[in-house]
Amino acid sequence: MISTNHGKTSMLTLLLTGIAISSFLSACTSLLISFS
């Protein structure tokens, strides 16, 4: 959804978006671990 614009997906945007979301989810995972 983030990397697609007017039906076209940029591979660079896809990659950068994936890295950003991966980092965010890793932080969320670490947060749950710290509360466990």
PDB file of all heavy atoms in Angstrom:
ATOM      1  N   MET A   1       0.827  -1.202   0.000  1.00  0.00           N
ATOM      2  CA  MET A   1       0.000   0.000   0.000  1.00  0.00           C
ATOM      3  C   MET A   1       0.867   1.261   0.000  1.00  0.00           C
ATOM      4  O   MET A   1       0.578   2.233  -0.693  1.00  0.00           O
ATOM      5  CB  MET A   1      -0.927   0.003   1.222  1.00  0.00           C
ATOM      6  CG  MET A   1      -2.076  -0.974   1.131  1.00  0.00           C
ATOM      7  SD  MET A   1      -3.272  -0.544  -0.159  1.00  0.00           S
ATOM      8  CE  MET A   1      -3.963   0.965   0.553  1.00  0.00           C
ATOM      9  N   ILE A   2       1.938   1.241   0.784  1.00  0.00           N
ATOM     10  CA  ILE A   2       2.799   2.421   0.889  1.00  0.00           C
ATOM     11  C   ILE A   2       3.645   2.613  -0.366  1.00  0.00           C
ATOM     12  O   ILE A   2       3.848   3.744  -0.835  1.00  0.00           O
ATOM     13  CB  ILE A   2       3.703   2.311   2.137  1.00  0.00           C
ATOM     14  CG1 ILE A   2       2.854   2.347   3.405  1.00  0.00           C
ATOM     15  CG2 ILE A   2       4.739   3.436   2.172  1.00  0.00           C
ATOM     16  CD1 ILE A   2       3.629   2.094   4.682  1.00  0.00           C
ATOM     17  N   SER A   3       4.129   1.514  -0.948  1.00  0.00           N
ATOM     18  CA  SER A   3       5.082   1.615  -2.055  1.00  0.00           C
ATOM     19  C   SER A   3       4.435   1.647  -3.437  1.00  0.00           C
ATOM     20  O   SER A   3       5.127   1.785  -4.444  1.00  0.00           O
ATOM     21  CB  SER A   3       6.080   0.459  -1.991  1.00  0.00           C
ATOM     22  OG  SER A   3       5.421  -0.778  -1.999  1.00  0.00           O
ATOM     23  N   THR A   4       3.110   1.515  -3.505  1.00  0.00           N
ATOM     24  CA  THR A   4       2.416   1.523  -4.788  1.00  0.00           C
ATOM     25  C   THR A   4       1.727   2.864  -5.011  1.00  0.00           C
ATOM     26  O   THR A   4       1.028   3.374  -4.139  1.00  0.00           O
ATOM     27  CB  THR A   4       1.374   0.384  -4.860  1.00  0.00           C
ATOM     28  OG1 THR A   4       2.043  -0.864  -4.686  1.00  0.00           O
ATOM     29  CG2 THR A   4       0.661   0.385  -6.204  1.00  0.00           C
ATOM     30  N   ASN A   5       1.945   3.397  -6.180  1.00  0.00           N
ATOM     31  CA  ASN A   5       1.354   4.696  -6.540  1.00  0.00           C
ATOM     32  C   ASN A   5       0.769   4.604  -7.943  1.00  0.00           C
ATOM     33  O   ASN A   5       1.489   4.299  -8.906  1.00  0.00           O
ATOM     34  CB  ASN A   5       2.428   5.794  -6.483  1.00  0.00           C
ATOM     35  CG  ASN A   5       1.840   7.176  -6.717  1.00  0.00           C
ATOM     36  OD1 ASN A   5       0.669   7.422  -6.402  1.00  0.00           O
ATOM     37  ND2 ASN A   5       2.631   8.074  -7.279  1.00  0.00           N
ATOM     38  N   HIS A   6      -0.565   4.845  -8.054  1.00  0.00           N
ATOM     39  CA  HIS A   6      -1.265   4.777  -9.345  1.00  0.00           C
ATOM     40  C   HIS A   6      -1.035   3.428 -10.037  1.00  0.00           C
ATOM     41  O   HIS A   6      -0.792   3.363 -11.248  1.00  0.00           O
ATOM     42  CB  HIS A   6      -0.827   5.920 -10.258  1.00  0.00           C
ATOM     43  CG  HIS A   6      -1.104   7.285  -9.695  1.00  0.00           C
ATOM     44  ND1 HIS A   6      -2.385   7.749  -9.445  1.00  0.00           N
ATOM     45  CD2 HIS A   6      -0.256   8.279  -9.323  1.00  0.00           C
ATOM     46  CE1 HIS A   6      -2.318   8.976  -8.949  1.00  0.00           C
ATOM     47  NE2 HIS A   6      -1.040   9.325  -8.864  1.00  0.00           N
ATOM     48  N   GLY A   7      -1.078   2.373  -9.243  1.00  0.00           N
ATOM     49  CA  GLY A   7      -0.968   1.031  -9.809  1.00  0.00           C
ATOM     50  C   GLY A   7       0.435   0.566 -10.107  1.00  0.00           C
ATOM     51  O   GLY A   7       0.633  -0.552 -10.599  1.00  0.00           O
ATOM     52  N   LYS A   8       1.449   1.387  -9.824  1.00  0.00           N
ATOM     53  CA  LYS A   8       2.829   1.016 -10.097  1.00  0.00           C
ATOM     54  C   LYS A   8       3.623   0.953  -8.798  1.00  0.00           C
ATOM     55  O   LYS A   8       3.499   1.839  -7.957  1.00  0.00           O
ATOM     56  CB  LYS A   8       3.479   2.005 -11.060  1.00  0.00           C
ATOM     57  CG  LYS A   8       2.883   1.955 -12.470  1.00  0.00           C
ATOM     58  CD  LYS A   8       3.660   2.850 -13.419  1.00  0.00           C
ATOM     59  CE  LYS A   8       3.101   2.731 -14.836  1.00  0.00           C
ATOM     60  NZ  LYS A   8       3.858   3.570 -15.798  1.00  0.00           N
ATOM     61  N   THR A   9       4.424  -0.109  -8.676  1.00  0.00           N
ATOM     62  CA  THR A   9       5.217  -0.309  -7.469  1.00  0.00           C
ATOM     63  C   THR A   9       6.692  -0.115  -7.780  1.00  0.00           C
ATOM     64  O   THR A   9       7.255  -0.793  -8.649  1.00  0.00           O
ATOM     65  CB  THR A   9       5.011  -1.733  -6.909  1.00  0.00           C
ATOM     66  OG1 THR A   9       3.619  -1.959  -6.693  1.00  0.00           O
ATOM     67  CG2 THR A   9       5.751  -1.910  -5.588  1.00  0.00           C
ATOM     68  N   SER A  10       7.297   0.829  -7.090  1.00  0.00           N
ATOM     69  CA  SER A  10       8.730   1.067  -7.232  1.00  0.00           C
ATOM     70  C   SER A  10       9.498   0.062  -6.383  1.00  0.00           C
ATOM     71  O   SER A  10       9.237  -0.077  -5.186  1.00  0.00           O
ATOM     72  CB  SER A  10       9.082   2.495  -6.795  1.00  0.00           C
ATOM     73  OG  SER A  10      10.470   2.639  -6.586  1.00  0.00           O
ATOM     74  N   MET A  11      10.460  -0.646  -6.995  1.00  0.00           N
ATOM     75  CA  MET A  11      11.241  -1.641  -6.258  1.00  0.00           C
ATOM     76  C   MET A  11      12.070  -0.981  -5.164  1.00  0.00           C
ATOM     77  O   MET A  11      12.236  -1.529  -4.075  1.00  0.00           O
ATOM     78  CB  MET A  11      12.154  -2.410  -7.221  1.00  0.00           C
ATOM     79  CG  MET A  11      11.389  -3.296  -8.188  1.00  0.00           C
ATOM     80  SD  MET A  11      10.455  -4.611  -7.364  1.00  0.00           S
ATOM     81  CE  MET A  11      11.727  -5.839  -7.164  1.00  0.00           C
ATOM     82  N   LEU A  12      12.597   0.210  -5.429  1.00  0.00           N
ATOM     83  CA  LEU A  12      13.387   0.921  -4.424  1.00  0.00           C
ATOM     84  C   LEU A  12      12.507   1.316  -3.241  1.00  0.00           C
ATOM     85  O   LEU A  12      12.875   1.122  -2.076  1.00  0.00           O
ATOM     86  CB  LEU A  12      14.045   2.157  -5.033  1.00  0.00           C
ATOM     87  CG  LEU A  12      14.859   3.031  -4.067  1.00  0.00           C
ATOM     88  CD1 LEU A  12      15.986   2.222  -3.439  1.00  0.00           C
ATOM     89  CD2 LEU A  12      15.400   4.265  -4.785  1.00  0.00           C
ATOM     90  N   THR A  13      11.324   1.854  -3.535  1.00  0.00           N
ATOM     91  CA  THR A  13      10.395   2.235  -2.467  1.00  0.00           C
ATOM     92  C   THR A  13       9.942   1.009  -1.688  1.00  0.00           C
ATOM     93  O   THR A  13       9.825   1.045  -0.459  1.00  0.00           O
ATOM     94  CB  THR A  13       9.170   2.959  -3.055  1.00  0.00           C
ATOM     95  OG1 THR A  13       9.597   4.048  -3.859  1.00  0.00           O
ATOM     96  CG2 THR A  13       8.272   3.489  -1.957  1.00  0.00           C
ATOM     97  N   LEU A  14       9.717  -0.080  -2.406  1.00  0.00           N
ATOM     98  CA  LEU A  14       9.312  -1.327  -1.761  1.00  0.00           C
ATOM     99  C   LEU A  14      10.395  -1.791  -0.782  1.00  0.00           C
ATOM    100  O   LEU A  14      10.098  -2.168   0.359  1.00  0.00           O
ATOM    101  CB  LEU A  14       9.071  -2.396  -2.822  1.00  0.00           C
ATOM    102  CG  LEU A  14       8.491  -3.732  -2.347  1.00  0.00           C
ATOM    103  CD1 LEU A  14       7.006  -3.595  -2.085  1.00  0.00           C
ATOM    104  CD2 LEU A  14       8.734  -4.813  -3.393  1.00  0.00           C
ATOM    105  N   LEU A  15      11.631  -1.739  -1.221  1.00  0.00           N
ATOM    106  CA  LEU A  15      12.742  -2.173  -0.382  1.00  0.00           C
ATOM    107  C   LEU A  15      12.892  -1.285   0.852  1.00  0.00           C
ATOM    108  O   LEU A  15      13.015  -1.767   1.979  1.00  0.00           O
ATOM    109  CB  LEU A  15      14.037  -2.162  -1.193  1.00  0.00           C
ATOM    110  CG  LEU A  15      15.329  -2.518  -0.463  1.00  0.00           C
ATOM    111  CD1 LEU A  15      15.244  -3.928   0.100  1.00  0.00           C
ATOM    112  CD2 LEU A  15      16.520  -2.386  -1.396  1.00  0.00           C
ATOM    113  N   LEU A  16      12.855   0.040   0.638  1.00  0.00           N
ATOM    114  CA  LEU A  16      13.021   0.972   1.755  1.00  0.00           C
ATOM    115  C   LEU A  16      11.855   0.862   2.740  1.00  0.00           C
ATOM    116  O   LEU A  16      12.055   0.928   3.960  1.00  0.00           O
ATOM    117  CB  LEU A  16      13.135   2.400   1.225  1.00  0.00           C
ATOM    118  CG  LEU A  16      14.390   2.698   0.394  1.00  0.00           C
ATOM    119  CD1 LEU A  16      14.319   4.106  -0.178  1.00  0.00           C
ATOM    120  CD2 LEU A  16      15.646   2.517   1.229  1.00  0.00           C
ATOM    121  N   THR A  17      10.644   0.695   2.211  1.00  0.00           N
ATOM    122  CA  THR A  17       9.475   0.529   3.076  1.00  0.00           C
ATOM    123  C   THR A  17       9.592  -0.748   3.894  1.00  0.00           C
ATOM    124  O   THR A  17       9.290  -0.772   5.098  1.00  0.00           O
ATOM    125  CB  THR A  17       8.187   0.493   2.240  1.00  0.00           C
ATOM    126  OG1 THR A  17       8.100   1.669   1.437  1.00  0.00           O
ATOM    127  CG2 THR A  17       6.958   0.415   3.139  1.00  0.00           C
ATOM    128  N   GLY A  18      10.043  -1.822   3.245  1.00  0.00           N
ATOM    129  CA  GLY A  18      10.223  -3.083   3.948  1.00  0.00           C
ATOM    130  C   GLY A  18      11.235  -2.973   5.074  1.00  0.00           C
ATOM    131  O   GLY A  18      11.027  -3.493   6.167  1.00  0.00           O
ATOM    132  N   ILE A  19      12.334  -2.272   4.826  1.00  0.00           N
ATOM    133  CA  ILE A  19      13.354  -2.085   5.858  1.00  0.00           C
ATOM    134  C   ILE A  19      12.797  -1.291   7.038  1.00  0.00           C
ATOM    135  O   ILE A  19      13.011  -1.636   8.208  1.00  0.00           O
ATOM    136  CB  ILE A  19      14.588  -1.374   5.268  1.00  0.00           C
ATOM    137  CG1 ILE A  19      15.300  -2.298   4.273  1.00  0.00           C
ATOM    138  CG2 ILE A  19      15.552  -0.939   6.371  1.00  0.00           C
ATOM    139  CD1 ILE A  19      16.398  -1.628   3.495  1.00  0.00           C
ATOM    140  N   ALA A  20      12.046  -0.221   6.730  1.00  0.00           N
ATOM    141  CA  ALA A  20      11.488   0.619   7.788  1.00  0.00           C
ATOM    142  C   ALA A  20      10.478  -0.157   8.635  1.00  0.00           C
ATOM    143  O   ALA A  20      10.516  -0.119   9.879  1.00  0.00           O
ATOM    144  CB  ALA A  20      10.830   1.853   7.179  1.00  0.00           C
ATOM    145  N   ILE A  21       9.565  -0.875   7.986  1.00  0.00           N
ATOM    146  CA  ILE A  21       8.550  -1.627   8.715  1.00  0.00           C
ATOM    147  C   ILE A  21       9.182  -2.776   9.484  1.00  0.00           C
ATOM    148  O   ILE A  21       8.774  -3.088  10.617  1.00  0.00           O
ATOM    149  CB  ILE A  21       7.461  -2.130   7.747  1.00  0.00           C
ATOM    150  CG1 ILE A  21       6.638  -0.934   7.241  1.00  0.00           C
ATOM    151  CG2 ILE A  21       6.549  -3.154   8.413  1.00  0.00           C
ATOM    152  CD1 ILE A  21       5.535  -1.289   6.292  1.00  0.00           C
ATOM    153  N   SER A  22      10.197  -3.405   8.898  1.00  0.00           N
ATOM    154  CA  SER A  22      10.903  -4.478   9.598  1.00  0.00           C
ATOM    155  C   SER A  22      11.549  -3.970  10.881  1.00  0.00           C
ATOM    156  O   SER A  22      11.466  -4.616  11.929  1.00  0.00           O
ATOM    157  CB  SER A  22      11.966  -5.075   8.675  1.00  0.00           C
ATOM    158  OG  SER A  22      12.660  -6.116   9.323  1.00  0.00           O
ATOM    159  N   SER A  23      12.156  -2.788  10.810  1.00  0.00           N
ATOM    160  CA  SER A  23      12.774  -2.194  12.005  1.00  0.00           C
ATOM    161  C   SER A  23      11.719  -1.871  13.057  1.00  0.00           C
ATOM    162  O   SER A  23      11.925  -2.092  14.254  1.00  0.00           O
ATOM    163  CB  SER A  23      13.536  -0.924  11.623  1.00  0.00           C
ATOM    164  OG  SER A  23      14.580  -1.215  10.719  1.00  0.00           O
ATOM    165  N   PHE A  24      10.574  -1.345  12.604  1.00  0.00           N
ATOM    166  CA  PHE A  24       9.497  -1.016  13.531  1.00  0.00           C
ATOM    167  C   PHE A  24       8.954  -2.260  14.220  1.00  0.00           C
ATOM    168  O   PHE A  24       8.757  -2.286  15.451  1.00  0.00           O
ATOM    169  CB  PHE A  24       8.369  -0.300  12.780  1.00  0.00           C
ATOM    170  CG  PHE A  24       7.139  -0.061  13.607  1.00  0.00           C
ATOM    171  CD1 PHE A  24       7.118   0.938  14.568  1.00  0.00           C
ATOM    172  CD2 PHE A  24       6.000  -0.835  13.424  1.00  0.00           C
ATOM    173  CE1 PHE A  24       5.981   1.159  15.340  1.00  0.00           C
ATOM    174  CE2 PHE A  24       4.862  -0.629  14.184  1.00  0.00           C
ATOM    175  CZ  PHE A  24       4.858   0.378  15.155  1.00  0.00           C
ATOM    176  N   LEU A  25       8.735  -3.328  13.444  1.00  0.00           N
ATOM    177  CA  LEU A  25       8.209  -4.565  14.022  1.00  0.00           C
ATOM    178  C   LEU A  25       9.222  -5.223  14.958  1.00  0.00           C
ATOM    179  O   LEU A  25       8.846  -5.813  15.973  1.00  0.00           O
ATOM    180  CB  LEU A  25       7.813  -5.534  12.907  1.00  0.00           C
ATOM    181  CG  LEU A  25       6.589  -5.124  12.085  1.00  0.00           C
ATOM    182  CD1 LEU A  25       6.402  -6.053  10.898  1.00  0.00           C
ATOM    183  CD2 LEU A  25       5.333  -5.116  12.951  1.00  0.00           C
ATOM    184  N   SER A  26      10.503  -5.110  14.621  1.00  0.00           N
ATOM    185  CA  SER A  26      11.540  -5.640  15.517  1.00  0.00           C
ATOM    186  C   SER A  26      11.525  -4.895  16.848  1.00  0.00           C
ATOM    187  O   SER A  26      11.707  -5.495  17.917  1.00  0.00           O
ATOM    188  CB  SER A  26      12.916  -5.517  14.859  1.00  0.00           C
ATOM    189  OG  SER A  26      12.993  -6.328  13.701  1.00  0.00           O
ATOM    190  N   ALA A  27      11.288  -3.571  16.789  1.00  0.00           N
ATOM    191  CA  ALA A  27      11.192  -2.778  18.018  1.00  0.00           C
ATOM    192  C   ALA A  27       9.964  -3.198  18.840  1.00  0.00           C
ATOM    193  O   ALA A  27      10.029  -3.295  20.068  1.00  0.00           O
ATOM    194  CB  ALA A  27      11.125  -1.298  17.677  1.00  0.00           C
ATOM    195  N   CYS A  28       8.848  -3.457  18.143  1.00  0.00           N
ATOM    196  CA  CYS A  28       7.640  -3.918  18.834  1.00  0.00           C
ATOM    197  C   CYS A  28       7.881  -5.277  19.502  1.00  0.00           C
ATOM    198  O   CYS A  28       7.422  -5.513  20.630  1.00  0.00           O
ATOM    199  CB  CYS A  28       6.479  -4.025  17.851  1.00  0.00           C
ATOM    200  SG  CYS A  28       5.898  -2.444  17.200  1.00  0.00           S
ATOM    201  N   THR A  29       8.592  -6.144  18.803  1.00  0.00           N
ATOM    202  CA  THR A  29       8.928  -7.448  19.376  1.00  0.00           C
ATOM    203  C   THR A  29       9.781  -7.289  20.625  1.00  0.00           C
ATOM    204  O   THR A  29       9.540  -7.934  21.663  1.00  0.00           O
ATOM    205  CB  THR A  29       9.667  -8.305  18.329  1.00  0.00           C
ATOM    206  OG1 THR A  29       8.816  -8.516  17.200  1.00  0.00           O
ATOM    207  CG2 THR A  29      10.067  -9.647  18.917  1.00  0.00           C
ATOM    208  N   SER A  30      10.783  -6.420  20.551  1.00  0.00           N
ATOM    209  CA  SER A  30      11.656  -6.170  21.710  1.00  0.00           C
ATOM    210  C   SER A  30      10.863  -5.587  22.875  1.00  0.00           C
ATOM    211  O   SER A  30      11.135  -5.912  24.043  1.00  0.00           O
ATOM    212  CB  SER A  30      12.783  -5.210  21.318  1.00  0.00           C
ATOM    213  OG  SER A  30      13.587  -5.767  20.294  1.00  0.00           O
ATOM    214  N   LEU A  31       9.872  -4.749  22.559  1.00  0.00           N
ATOM    215  CA  LEU A  31       9.044  -4.159  23.605  1.00  0.00           C
ATOM    216  C   LEU A  31       8.246  -5.229  24.344  1.00  0.00           C
ATOM    217  O   LEU A  31       8.174  -5.228  25.584  1.00  0.00           O
ATOM    218  CB  LEU A  31       8.095  -3.123  22.996  1.00  0.00           C
ATOM    219  CG  LEU A  31       7.243  -2.304  23.981  1.00  0.00           C
ATOM    220  CD1 LEU A  31       8.154  -1.419  24.846  1.00  0.00           C
ATOM    221  CD2 LEU A  31       6.230  -1.448  23.219  1.00  0.00           C
ATOM    222  N   LEU A  32       7.664  -6.163  23.604  1.00  0.00           N
ATOM    223  CA  LEU A  32       6.914  -7.255  24.244  1.00  0.00           C
ATOM    224  C   LEU A  32       7.836  -8.128  25.090  1.00  0.00           C
ATOM    225  O   LEU A  32       7.447  -8.575  26.180  1.00  0.00           O
ATOM    226  CB  LEU A  32       6.222  -8.108  23.185  1.00  0.00           C
ATOM    227  CG  LEU A  32       5.021  -7.485  22.464  1.00  0.00           C
ATOM    228  CD1 LEU A  32       4.398  -8.498  21.521  1.00  0.00           C
ATOM    229  CD2 LEU A  32       3.982  -6.979  23.458  1.00  0.00           C
ATOM    230  N   ILE A  33       9.046  -8.355  24.612  1.00  0.00           N
ATOM    231  CA  ILE A  33      10.004  -9.144  25.389  1.00  0.00           C
ATOM    232  C   ILE A  33      10.331  -8.449  26.707  1.00  0.00           C
ATOM    233  O   ILE A  33      10.394  -9.074  27.768  1.00  0.00           O
ATOM    234  CB  ILE A  33      11.291  -9.388  24.571  1.00  0.00           C
ATOM    235  CG1 ILE A  33      11.000 -10.303  23.388  1.00  0.00           C
ATOM    236  CG2 ILE A  33      12.386 -10.005  25.447  1.00  0.00           C
ATOM    237  CD1 ILE A  33      12.170 -10.493  22.458  1.00  0.00           C
ATOM    238  N   SER A  34      10.510  -7.124  26.657  1.00  0.00           N
ATOM    239  CA  SER A  34      10.871  -6.371  27.865  1.00  0.00           C
ATOM    240  C   SER A  34       9.746  -6.360  28.883  1.00  0.00           C
ATOM    241  O   SER A  34       9.983  -6.228  30.088  1.00  0.00           O
ATOM    242  CB  SER A  34      11.253  -4.938  27.497  1.00  0.00           C
ATOM    243  OG  SER A  34      10.138  -4.229  26.989  1.00  0.00           O
ATOM    244  N   PHE A  35       8.487  -6.528  28.430  1.00  0.00           N
ATOM    245  CA  PHE A  35       7.342  -6.555  29.336  1.00  0.00           C
ATOM    246  C   PHE A  35       7.042  -7.958  29.860  1.00  0.00           C
ATOM    247  O   PHE A  35       6.156  -8.129  30.700  1.00  0.00           O
ATOM    248  CB  PHE A  35       6.089  -6.019  28.634  1.00  0.00           C
ATOM    249  CG  PHE A  35       6.105  -4.528  28.418  1.00  0.00           C
ATOM    250  CD1 PHE A  35       5.334  -3.961  27.406  1.00  0.00           C
ATOM    251  CD2 PHE A  35       6.872  -3.698  29.216  1.00  0.00           C
ATOM    252  CE1 PHE A  35       5.332  -2.591  27.203  1.00  0.00           C
ATOM    253  CE2 PHE A  35       6.882  -2.331  29.006  1.00  0.00           C
ATOM    254  CZ  PHE A  35       6.124  -1.775  28.009  1.00  0.00           C
ATOM    255  N   SER A  36       7.756  -8.965  29.355  1.00  0.00           N
ATOM    256  CA  SER A  36       7.449 -10.361  29.693  1.00  0.00           C
ATOM    257  C   SER A  36       8.122 -10.787  30.991  1.00  0.00           C
ATOM    258  O   SER A  36       9.172 -10.262  31.363  1.00  0.00           O
ATOM    259  CB  SER A  36       7.911 -11.289  28.562  1.00  0.00           C
ATOM    260  OG  SER A  36       7.327 -10.925  27.333  1.00  0.00           O
TER     261      SER A  36
END
